[in-house]
Amino acid sequence: MDRKKRTIAVLSLLALNPKKRRCWVREIYKNRRLQGASENLIEEMRLSDTESFFNFLRMTPAQFDHLLTLVGPIISKNNTNYRDSIQAKDRLALTLRFLASGDLRVSLSYQFRIGRSTVSRIIRETYDAMPPLKRRYCPPGFSDTLSPNGDTILGLWRQEKCALKTVGRFGSNMHTKSAGQLRENFMQYFCSVGQLEWQDHHVLDAGRAY
């Protein structure tokens, strides 16, 4: 069989057994607008449970909306002829949830119904849009710093007259004095009468490692 006939035979076999093309968008991602965390869970918390909203994204709905007005124009994408783009509010919510919880990207992919590789790209792009805001909202001296001798220098955000003191906080973010005292009592106990033998061995082993 000459080369021409072999080529025709191969093309005929390929035509009879075409490869099944992979879907452009997985079925579980097609219902993102209805079932994704941004359009479903987050909106529900915004309307009926602002405490959970704060716990989920580490900010109030008003703060989220304000941040969205600042970074939304930067992280927004245009729709294509094949599919709609992921909205800026979804991108911001996904990134904030990642920063607040440290969830794996595969977990966020299922929560927000967005592909894993797209989740990674969204986090990177949204995070890259934040630095310009740092100069405005976190000027030098705003956050805590370390002195040359290792002491913590308290930033402006801790001062009583700081504007952020007026921001409402909810749930587990309110550390009471009694909780701090309880933690201190436990520390003193396990460093004295409650100290166990394995603690000394652990410290010695750690010292040898260095």
Protein backbone atom coordinates (compact mmCIF):
# COMPACT_ATOMS: atom_id res chain seq x y z
CA MET A 1 0.00 0.00 0.00
CA ASP A 2 1.50 3.30 -1.07
CA ARG A 3 1.70 6.37 1.16
CA LYS A 4 -1.38 8.03 -0.36
CA LYS A 5 -3.59 5.03 0.35
CA ARG A 6 -2.26 4.73 3.92
CA THR A 7 -3.04 8.39 4.53
CA ILE A 8 -6.60 7.96 3.23
CA ALA A 9 -7.07 4.89 5.45
CA VAL A 10 -5.88 6.73 8.56
CA LEU A 11 -8.13 9.72 7.85
CA SER A 12 -11.08 7.39 7.34
CA LEU A 13 -10.48 5.74 10.72
CA LEU A 14 -10.24 9.10 12.42
CA ALA A 15 -13.50 10.20 10.82
CA LEU A 16 -15.25 7.04 12.02
CA ASN A 17 -13.91 7.36 15.58
CA PRO A 18 -13.86 11.06 16.49
CA LYS A 19 -12.61 11.97 19.94
CA LYS A 20 -15.21 13.21 22.32
CA ARG A 21 -14.42 16.86 23.04
CA ARG A 22 -14.20 17.98 26.62
CA CYS A 23 -16.96 20.29 27.75
CA TRP A 24 -16.14 24.00 27.75
CA VAL A 25 -17.76 24.51 31.18
CA ARG A 26 -18.45 21.74 33.68
CA GLU A 27 -22.07 21.19 34.59
CA ILE A 28 -21.54 22.07 38.26
CA TYR A 29 -20.19 25.48 37.25
CA LYS A 30 -23.05 26.37 34.94
CA ASN A 31 -25.36 27.13 37.88
CA ARG A 32 -22.91 29.47 39.61
CA ARG A 33 -25.37 32.37 39.48
CA LEU A 34 -27.97 30.35 41.40
CA GLN A 35 -25.97 27.92 43.53
CA GLY A 36 -22.56 29.55 44.05
CA ALA A 37 -21.61 30.92 47.47
CA SER A 38 -21.52 34.52 46.28
CA GLU A 39 -25.05 34.60 44.88
CA ASN A 40 -26.57 32.23 47.41
CA LEU A 41 -24.93 31.98 50.85
CA ILE A 42 -23.30 35.41 50.98
CA GLU A 43 -26.42 37.22 49.81
CA GLU A 44 -28.51 35.34 52.36
CA MET A 45 -26.14 36.38 55.17
CA ARG A 46 -26.13 39.95 53.91
CA LEU A 47 -29.92 40.14 54.19
CA SER A 48 -30.57 38.16 57.35
CA ASP A 49 -27.36 37.47 59.31
CA THR A 50 -24.73 40.21 59.19
CA GLU A 51 -22.81 38.57 62.04
CA SER A 52 -22.19 35.48 59.91
CA PHE A 53 -21.38 37.73 56.95
CA PHE A 54 -18.66 39.40 59.03
CA ASN A 55 -17.34 36.04 60.21
CA PHE A 56 -17.25 34.71 56.63
CA LEU A 57 -15.51 37.68 54.96
CA ARG A 58 -14.09 39.54 58.00
CA MET A 59 -15.94 42.74 57.13
CA THR A 60 -19.44 44.19 57.22
CA PRO A 61 -21.65 44.37 54.11
CA ALA A 62 -21.08 48.14 53.97
CA GLN A 63 -17.30 47.67 54.09
CA PHE A 64 -17.50 45.02 51.38
CA ASP A 65 -19.51 47.32 49.13
CA HIS A 66 -17.05 50.16 49.69
CA LEU A 67 -14.08 47.93 48.88
CA LEU A 68 -15.90 46.71 45.77
CA THR A 69 -16.28 50.29 44.50
CA LEU A 70 -12.51 50.73 44.86
CA VAL A 71 -11.23 47.51 43.26
CA GLY A 72 -14.24 46.53 41.14
CA PRO A 73 -13.21 48.58 38.07
CA ILE A 74 -9.74 47.01 38.23
CA ILE A 75 -10.75 43.35 38.53
CA SER A 76 -13.83 43.39 36.27
CA LYS A 77 -13.70 41.33 33.07
CA ASN A 78 -15.72 41.62 29.87
CA ASN A 79 -18.09 38.92 28.67
CA THR A 80 -17.08 36.85 25.64
CA ASN A 81 -19.10 35.31 22.83
CA TYR A 82 -18.83 31.94 24.56
CA ARG A 83 -19.60 32.65 28.21
CA ASP A 84 -20.29 35.36 30.75
CA SER A 85 -17.43 36.64 32.85
CA ILE A 86 -17.23 36.16 36.62
CA GLN A 87 -18.51 39.32 38.26
CA ALA A 88 -16.25 41.58 40.29
CA LYS A 89 -18.20 40.99 43.50
CA ASP A 90 -17.73 37.23 43.10
CA ARG A 91 -14.00 37.71 42.55
CA LEU A 92 -13.67 39.92 45.60
CA ALA A 93 -15.73 37.62 47.83
CA LEU A 94 -13.70 34.58 46.78
CA THR A 95 -10.41 36.35 47.50
CA LEU A 96 -11.58 37.65 50.88
CA ARG A 97 -12.76 34.19 51.86
CA PHE A 98 -9.37 32.77 50.91
CA LEU A 99 -7.57 35.41 52.99
CA ALA A 100 -9.97 34.98 55.93
CA SER A 101 -9.93 31.20 56.09
CA GLY A 102 -6.93 29.90 54.17
CA ASP A 103 -9.21 27.35 52.50
CA LEU A 104 -7.72 25.15 49.80
CA ARG A 105 -8.38 26.36 46.28
CA VAL A 106 -10.17 23.13 45.47
CA SER A 107 -12.54 23.79 48.38
CA LEU A 108 -13.18 27.34 47.17
CA SER A 109 -13.77 25.96 43.70
CA TYR A 110 -16.71 23.92 44.95
CA GLN A 111 -18.02 26.66 47.25
CA PHE A 112 -18.13 29.31 44.55
CA ARG A 113 -18.61 26.91 41.61
CA ILE A 114 -15.56 28.20 39.77
CA GLY A 115 -12.83 26.11 38.16
CA ARG A 116 -9.70 25.49 40.24
CA SER A 117 -7.29 27.14 37.83
CA THR A 118 -9.66 30.11 37.57
CA VAL A 119 -9.80 30.37 41.38
CA SER A 120 -6.01 30.67 41.53
CA ARG A 121 -5.99 33.33 38.82
CA ILE A 122 -8.78 35.34 40.47
CA ILE A 123 -6.99 35.36 43.84
CA ARG A 124 -3.76 36.52 42.24
CA GLU A 125 -5.40 39.24 40.13
CA THR A 126 -7.54 40.55 42.98
CA TYR A 127 -4.62 40.53 45.41
CA ASP A 128 -2.50 42.44 42.89
CA ALA A 129 -5.20 45.14 42.77
CA MET A 130 -4.87 45.82 46.52
CA PRO A 131 -1.43 47.52 46.90
CA PRO A 132 -2.61 50.96 45.67
CA LEU A 133 -5.12 50.94 48.55
CA LYS A 134 -2.37 50.30 51.10
CA ARG A 135 -0.91 53.78 50.75
CA ARG A 136 -4.35 55.28 51.36
CA TYR A 137 -5.68 53.10 54.16
CA CYS A 138 -2.48 51.77 55.76
CA PRO A 139 -0.01 54.68 55.82
CA PRO A 140 3.32 54.35 57.68
CA GLY A 141 2.69 53.82 61.38
CA PHE A 142 -0.84 52.52 60.90
CA SER A 143 -0.10 48.85 61.61
CA ASP A 144 2.04 47.32 64.36
CA THR A 145 5.80 47.20 63.83
CA LEU A 146 8.82 45.78 65.63
CA SER A 147 11.48 47.93 67.26
CA PRO A 148 15.19 47.07 66.86
CA ASN A 149 15.15 45.31 70.25
CA GLY A 150 12.16 43.17 69.29
CA ASP A 151 9.42 45.06 71.15
CA THR A 152 6.08 45.62 69.44
CA ILE A 153 5.30 49.23 68.55
CA LEU A 154 1.54 49.64 68.53
CA GLY A 155 0.10 51.15 65.37
CA LEU A 156 -2.45 53.90 64.97
CA TRP A 157 -5.22 51.36 64.42
CA ARG A 158 -5.04 50.44 68.12
CA GLN A 159 -5.49 53.97 69.39
CA GLU A 160 -8.84 54.83 70.91
CA LYS A 161 -9.38 57.79 68.61
CA CYS A 162 -8.69 55.77 65.49
CA ALA A 163 -11.63 55.81 63.09
CA LEU A 164 -11.64 52.03 62.88
CA LYS A 165 -12.62 51.86 66.54
CA THR A 166 -16.12 52.83 65.45
CA VAL A 167 -16.44 49.80 63.19
CA GLY A 168 -18.79 47.25 64.70
CA ARG A 169 -17.37 43.84 65.51
CA PHE A 170 -19.25 40.64 66.06
CA GLY A 171 -19.01 37.20 67.56
CA SER A 172 -15.59 35.64 68.05
CA ASN A 173 -13.79 38.87 67.14
CA MET A 174 -14.70 40.32 70.55
CA HIS A 175 -12.00 39.04 72.94
CA THR A 176 -13.22 39.74 76.46
CA LYS A 177 -10.97 40.51 79.42
CA SER A 178 -12.18 37.36 81.18
CA ALA A 179 -11.01 35.22 78.25
CA GLY A 180 -7.59 36.86 78.38
CA GLN A 181 -7.36 36.28 82.12
CA LEU A 182 -8.36 32.64 81.71
CA ARG A 183 -5.65 32.12 79.11
CA GLU A 184 -3.10 33.76 81.41
CA ASN A 185 -4.11 31.49 84.29
CA PHE A 186 -3.71 28.39 82.13
CA MET A 187 -0.27 29.54 81.00
CA GLN A 188 0.91 30.17 84.56
CA TYR A 189 -0.44 26.81 85.71
CA PHE A 190 1.25 24.76 83.01
CA CYS A 191 4.50 26.65 83.58
CA SER A 192 4.52 25.82 87.31
CA VAL A 193 2.63 23.13 89.26
CA GLY A 194 0.92 21.82 86.15
CA GLN A 195 4.13 21.38 84.17
CA LEU A 196 4.65 17.86 82.80
CA GLU A 197 7.86 15.95 82.25
CA TRP A 198 7.40 15.69 78.49
CA GLN A 199 7.45 19.50 78.25
CA ASP A 200 11.06 19.62 79.47
CA HIS A 201 12.08 16.90 77.03
CA HIS A 202 10.34 18.76 74.20
CA VAL A 203 12.24 21.96 75.01
CA LEU A 204 15.56 20.11 75.25
CA ASP A 205 14.97 18.30 71.95
CA ALA A 206 14.08 21.59 70.27
CA GLY A 207 17.28 23.13 71.61
CA ARG A 208 19.39 20.28 70.24
CA ALA A 209 17.75 20.73 66.84
CA TYR A 210 19.17 24.24 66.69
